[in-house]
N, C-alpha and C. Protein backbone atom coordinates (compact mmCIF):
# COMPACT_ATOMS: atom_id res chain seq x y z
N MET A 1 0.86 -1.18 0.00
CA MET A 1 0.00 0.00 0.00
C MET A 1 0.90 1.24 0.00
N ALA A 2 0.61 2.17 -0.88
CA ALA A 2 1.41 3.39 -1.03
C ALA A 2 1.34 4.25 0.23
N ILE A 3 2.43 4.94 0.52
CA ILE A 3 2.51 5.80 1.71
C ILE A 3 1.42 6.86 1.69
N TYR A 4 1.18 7.47 0.52
CA TYR A 4 0.15 8.53 0.47
C TYR A 4 -1.21 7.97 0.86
N LEU A 5 -1.48 6.71 0.52
CA LEU A 5 -2.76 6.12 0.86
C LEU A 5 -2.87 5.88 2.37
N ILE A 6 -1.79 5.44 2.97
CA ILE A 6 -1.79 5.24 4.42
C ILE A 6 -2.02 6.58 5.13
N ASP A 7 -1.34 7.63 4.70
CA ASP A 7 -1.54 8.96 5.30
C ASP A 7 -2.97 9.43 5.12
N ALA A 8 -3.52 9.20 3.94
CA ALA A 8 -4.90 9.62 3.68
C ALA A 8 -5.88 8.86 4.55
N LEU A 9 -5.69 7.56 4.70
CA LEU A 9 -6.60 6.76 5.52
C LEU A 9 -6.51 7.17 7.00
N LYS A 10 -5.31 7.48 7.46
CA LYS A 10 -5.16 7.97 8.84
C LYS A 10 -5.92 9.29 9.01
N ALA A 11 -5.78 10.17 8.03
CA ALA A 11 -6.47 11.47 8.09
C ALA A 11 -7.98 11.28 8.09
N LEU A 12 -8.45 10.31 7.33
CA LEU A 12 -9.88 10.07 7.20
C LEU A 12 -10.48 9.27 8.36
N SER A 13 -9.64 8.84 9.28
CA SER A 13 -10.12 8.02 10.39
C SER A 13 -10.75 8.85 11.51
N ASN A 14 -10.83 10.16 11.32
CA ASN A 14 -11.38 11.06 12.33
C ASN A 14 -12.68 11.68 11.82
N GLU A 15 -13.72 11.58 12.61
CA GLU A 15 -15.04 12.08 12.21
C GLU A 15 -15.04 13.58 11.93
N ARG A 16 -14.30 14.34 12.71
CA ARG A 16 -14.25 15.80 12.51
C ARG A 16 -13.62 16.15 11.17
N ARG A 17 -12.58 15.42 10.79
CA ARG A 17 -11.93 15.69 9.52
C ARG A 17 -12.84 15.30 8.35
N LEU A 18 -13.61 14.23 8.54
CA LEU A 18 -14.59 13.86 7.51
C LEU A 18 -15.64 14.96 7.36
N GLU A 19 -16.05 15.56 8.47
CA GLU A 19 -17.01 16.67 8.41
C GLU A 19 -16.44 17.83 7.61
N ILE A 20 -15.19 18.17 7.88
CA ILE A 20 -14.54 19.27 7.17
C ILE A 20 -14.55 19.00 5.67
N LEU A 21 -14.14 17.81 5.28
CA LEU A 21 -14.11 17.46 3.85
C LEU A 21 -15.51 17.54 3.24
N ASP A 22 -16.51 17.11 3.99
CA ASP A 22 -17.88 17.15 3.50
C ASP A 22 -18.34 18.60 3.31
N TRP A 23 -18.08 19.45 4.30
CA TRP A 23 -18.48 20.86 4.19
C TRP A 23 -17.80 21.54 3.01
N LEU A 24 -16.54 21.18 2.77
CA LEU A 24 -15.79 21.85 1.70
C LEU A 24 -16.19 21.37 0.30
N LYS A 25 -17.03 20.32 0.22
CA LYS A 25 -17.57 19.92 -1.09
C LYS A 25 -18.40 21.06 -1.66
N ASP A 26 -19.14 21.74 -0.79
CA ASP A 26 -20.02 22.84 -1.19
C ASP A 26 -19.88 23.97 -0.16
N PRO A 27 -18.78 24.70 -0.22
CA PRO A 27 -18.51 25.70 0.82
C PRO A 27 -19.56 26.81 0.90
N ARG A 28 -20.16 27.17 -0.22
CA ARG A 28 -21.18 28.24 -0.18
C ARG A 28 -22.40 27.82 0.64
N ALA A 29 -22.70 26.53 0.67
CA ALA A 29 -23.84 26.03 1.43
C ALA A 29 -23.55 25.95 2.93
N HIS A 30 -22.27 25.90 3.30
CA HIS A 30 -21.91 25.67 4.70
C HIS A 30 -21.23 26.83 5.40
N PHE A 31 -20.77 27.83 4.65
CA PHE A 31 -20.03 28.94 5.25
C PHE A 31 -20.53 30.27 4.69
N ARG A 32 -20.47 31.30 5.53
CA ARG A 32 -20.86 32.64 5.09
C ARG A 32 -19.74 33.22 4.21
N GLU A 33 -20.10 34.24 3.47
CA GLU A 33 -19.12 34.89 2.61
C GLU A 33 -17.99 35.49 3.46
N GLN A 34 -16.81 35.55 2.86
CA GLN A 34 -15.62 36.06 3.53
C GLN A 34 -15.25 37.42 2.97
N ILE A 35 -14.55 38.20 3.76
CA ILE A 35 -14.05 39.48 3.27
C ILE A 35 -12.91 39.23 2.27
N TRP A 36 -11.99 38.33 2.64
CA TRP A 36 -10.86 38.00 1.77
C TRP A 36 -11.06 36.61 1.23
N GLY A 37 -10.79 36.43 -0.03
CA GLY A 37 -10.81 35.11 -0.64
C GLY A 37 -12.20 34.60 -0.99
N ASP A 38 -12.30 34.02 -2.17
CA ASP A 38 -13.54 33.40 -2.63
C ASP A 38 -13.66 32.01 -2.00
N LEU A 39 -14.84 31.68 -1.51
CA LEU A 39 -15.07 30.40 -0.82
C LEU A 39 -14.69 29.20 -1.69
N VAL A 40 -14.95 29.28 -2.99
CA VAL A 40 -14.68 28.14 -3.88
C VAL A 40 -13.26 28.21 -4.43
N GLU A 41 -12.90 29.35 -5.00
CA GLU A 41 -11.59 29.47 -5.66
C GLU A 41 -10.42 29.43 -4.67
N ASP A 42 -10.55 30.17 -3.57
CA ASP A 42 -9.45 30.28 -2.60
C ASP A 42 -9.59 29.32 -1.43
N GLY A 43 -10.81 28.94 -1.12
CA GLY A 43 -11.06 28.06 0.01
C GLY A 43 -11.70 28.82 1.16
N VAL A 44 -11.90 28.11 2.25
CA VAL A 44 -12.57 28.64 3.44
C VAL A 44 -11.52 28.97 4.49
N CYS A 45 -11.67 30.11 5.12
CA CYS A 45 -10.75 30.55 6.16
C CYS A 45 -10.78 29.55 7.33
N GLY A 46 -9.61 29.23 7.84
CA GLY A 46 -9.50 28.31 8.97
C GLY A 46 -10.32 28.75 10.18
N LEU A 47 -10.47 30.07 10.36
CA LEU A 47 -11.28 30.57 11.48
C LEU A 47 -12.75 30.18 11.32
N PHE A 48 -13.26 30.20 10.10
CA PHE A 48 -14.65 29.80 9.85
C PHE A 48 -14.83 28.30 10.11
N ILE A 49 -13.82 27.53 9.74
CA ILE A 49 -13.89 26.09 9.96
C ILE A 49 -13.88 25.79 11.46
N ALA A 50 -13.02 26.46 12.21
CA ALA A 50 -12.97 26.28 13.67
C ALA A 50 -14.31 26.64 14.29
N GLU A 51 -14.88 27.74 13.83
CA GLU A 51 -16.18 28.19 14.34
C GLU A 51 -17.26 27.15 14.09
N LYS A 52 -17.30 26.61 12.87
CA LYS A 52 -18.33 25.63 12.52
C LYS A 52 -18.13 24.32 13.28
N LEU A 53 -16.88 23.94 13.51
CA LEU A 53 -16.60 22.73 14.29
C LEU A 53 -16.93 22.92 15.77
N GLY A 54 -16.93 24.19 16.20
CA GLY A 54 -17.16 24.47 17.61
C GLY A 54 -15.95 24.14 18.47
N VAL A 55 -14.77 24.34 17.89
CA VAL A 55 -13.52 24.04 18.60
C VAL A 55 -12.61 25.27 18.56
N SER A 56 -11.54 25.21 19.33
CA SER A 56 -10.57 26.30 19.34
C SER A 56 -9.79 26.34 18.02
N GLN A 57 -9.19 27.47 17.75
CA GLN A 57 -8.38 27.63 16.54
C GLN A 57 -7.24 26.60 16.51
N PRO A 58 -6.50 26.38 17.61
CA PRO A 58 -5.43 25.37 17.56
C PRO A 58 -5.94 23.95 17.26
N THR A 59 -7.09 23.59 17.79
CA THR A 59 -7.66 22.26 17.52
C THR A 59 -8.02 22.13 16.05
N ALA A 60 -8.68 23.14 15.50
CA ALA A 60 -9.03 23.12 14.08
C ALA A 60 -7.77 23.09 13.23
N SER A 61 -6.77 23.87 13.61
CA SER A 61 -5.52 23.92 12.85
C SER A 61 -4.86 22.55 12.78
N GLU A 62 -4.94 21.79 13.86
CA GLU A 62 -4.35 20.45 13.86
C GLU A 62 -5.10 19.53 12.89
N HIS A 63 -6.42 19.58 12.90
CA HIS A 63 -7.20 18.78 11.94
C HIS A 63 -6.85 19.18 10.51
N LEU A 64 -6.77 20.47 10.27
CA LEU A 64 -6.47 20.97 8.92
C LEU A 64 -5.05 20.60 8.51
N ARG A 65 -4.11 20.66 9.44
CA ARG A 65 -2.72 20.29 9.16
C ARG A 65 -2.64 18.83 8.70
N VAL A 66 -3.36 17.95 9.39
CA VAL A 66 -3.36 16.53 9.03
C VAL A 66 -3.92 16.33 7.62
N LEU A 67 -5.01 17.03 7.31
CA LEU A 67 -5.62 16.91 5.98
C LEU A 67 -4.71 17.47 4.88
N VAL A 68 -4.01 18.55 5.17
CA VAL A 68 -3.07 19.12 4.20
C VAL A 68 -1.88 18.18 4.02
N GLN A 69 -1.37 17.64 5.12
CA GLN A 69 -0.23 16.71 5.05
C GLN A 69 -0.58 15.48 4.22
N ALA A 70 -1.83 15.02 4.32
CA ALA A 70 -2.28 13.89 3.52
C ALA A 70 -2.65 14.30 2.10
N GLN A 71 -2.51 15.58 1.80
CA GLN A 71 -2.79 16.17 0.49
C GLN A 71 -4.26 16.07 0.10
N LEU A 72 -5.14 15.97 1.09
CA LEU A 72 -6.58 15.96 0.83
C LEU A 72 -7.13 17.38 0.77
N LEU A 73 -6.41 18.32 1.36
CA LEU A 73 -6.74 19.74 1.29
C LEU A 73 -5.54 20.50 0.77
N VAL A 74 -5.83 21.64 0.15
CA VAL A 74 -4.80 22.58 -0.29
C VAL A 74 -4.96 23.83 0.56
N ALA A 75 -3.85 24.31 1.09
CA ALA A 75 -3.86 25.52 1.91
C ALA A 75 -3.32 26.69 1.09
N LYS A 76 -3.92 27.86 1.31
CA LYS A 76 -3.50 29.07 0.59
C LYS A 76 -3.49 30.23 1.58
N ARG A 77 -2.38 30.95 1.64
CA ARG A 77 -2.29 32.12 2.52
C ARG A 77 -2.76 33.37 1.79
N ILE A 78 -3.62 34.12 2.45
CA ILE A 78 -4.03 35.44 1.97
C ILE A 78 -3.95 36.36 3.18
N LYS A 79 -3.11 37.37 3.07
CA LYS A 79 -2.82 38.25 4.20
C LYS A 79 -2.34 37.38 5.37
N GLN A 80 -2.97 37.51 6.54
CA GLN A 80 -2.51 36.71 7.69
C GLN A 80 -3.34 35.45 7.90
N TRP A 81 -4.27 35.15 7.00
CA TRP A 81 -5.15 34.00 7.16
C TRP A 81 -4.78 32.87 6.20
N THR A 82 -5.18 31.66 6.59
CA THR A 82 -4.99 30.50 5.72
C THR A 82 -6.36 29.99 5.32
N PHE A 83 -6.51 29.73 4.03
CA PHE A 83 -7.75 29.27 3.44
C PHE A 83 -7.55 27.84 2.94
N TYR A 84 -8.61 27.03 3.04
CA TYR A 84 -8.51 25.61 2.71
C TYR A 84 -9.58 25.21 1.71
N ARG A 85 -9.16 24.41 0.72
CA ARG A 85 -10.10 23.84 -0.23
C ARG A 85 -9.70 22.39 -0.48
N ARG A 86 -10.65 21.63 -0.98
CA ARG A 86 -10.40 20.21 -1.25
C ARG A 86 -9.45 20.04 -2.42
N ASN A 87 -8.62 19.01 -2.34
CA ASN A 87 -7.75 18.62 -3.45
C ASN A 87 -8.46 17.46 -4.15
N GLU A 88 -9.32 17.79 -5.09
CA GLU A 88 -10.17 16.79 -5.74
C GLU A 88 -9.36 15.73 -6.48
N THR A 89 -8.22 16.10 -7.02
CA THR A 89 -7.37 15.14 -7.73
C THR A 89 -6.88 14.06 -6.77
N ARG A 90 -6.36 14.48 -5.61
CA ARG A 90 -5.86 13.52 -4.63
C ARG A 90 -7.01 12.68 -4.05
N ILE A 91 -8.14 13.30 -3.79
CA ILE A 91 -9.29 12.57 -3.26
C ILE A 91 -9.71 11.46 -4.24
N ALA A 92 -9.73 11.78 -5.53
CA ALA A 92 -10.08 10.78 -6.55
C ALA A 92 -9.04 9.65 -6.57
N GLU A 93 -7.76 10.00 -6.44
CA GLU A 93 -6.71 8.98 -6.41
C GLU A 93 -6.89 8.05 -5.22
N VAL A 94 -7.21 8.61 -4.07
CA VAL A 94 -7.42 7.80 -2.86
C VAL A 94 -8.61 6.88 -3.05
N LYS A 95 -9.70 7.40 -3.61
CA LYS A 95 -10.88 6.56 -3.85
C LYS A 95 -10.54 5.39 -4.77
N ARG A 96 -9.80 5.67 -5.85
CA ARG A 96 -9.42 4.60 -6.78
C ARG A 96 -8.52 3.57 -6.10
N ALA A 97 -7.56 4.06 -5.31
CA ALA A 97 -6.63 3.15 -4.64
C ALA A 97 -7.35 2.26 -3.63
N VAL A 98 -8.28 2.84 -2.89
CA VAL A 98 -9.05 2.05 -1.91
C VAL A 98 -9.89 1.00 -2.63
N ALA A 99 -10.53 1.40 -3.72
CA ALA A 99 -11.36 0.47 -4.48
C ALA A 99 -10.52 -0.68 -5.03
N SER A 100 -9.30 -0.41 -5.46
CA SER A 100 -8.45 -1.46 -6.03
C SER A 100 -7.89 -2.38 -4.95
N GLU A 101 -7.81 -1.90 -3.71
CA GLU A 101 -7.31 -2.73 -2.60
C GLU A 101 -8.36 -3.68 -2.07
N LEU A 102 -9.64 -3.39 -2.37
CA LEU A 102 -10.73 -4.22 -1.82
C LEU A 102 -10.93 -5.49 -2.60
C-alpha cells in the first residue's frame, strides 16, 4: 500500500476531519461569505472552519494540518489568514486506490 494512501486513511479516520471534507464539497452552502478570498476558488478561512466545528483555533488547525499533510486539502495564505479547499485530484486517487485494494 502506497505511503500517500496510508496517510490519507489515517487522516480520514477522524469524524471531525470527515465533516470538514464534506463541508468543503459545497462551501457556499456551509459557510458565510468572507471578506478576503472566494469560498470556492481560494477556500474557506480556517477561522470559519474552527467556528463551525465548535472548537478552538489550535484544535481546528491540527485537523487541517493533518488533511493538508495527507494532500486531501490545499492551503493558501491570503494576508494573515490561511484558506482551505479540497484537493479533488488527490481525493479521486485515494478513492481509486481504496477500491483497487478491496
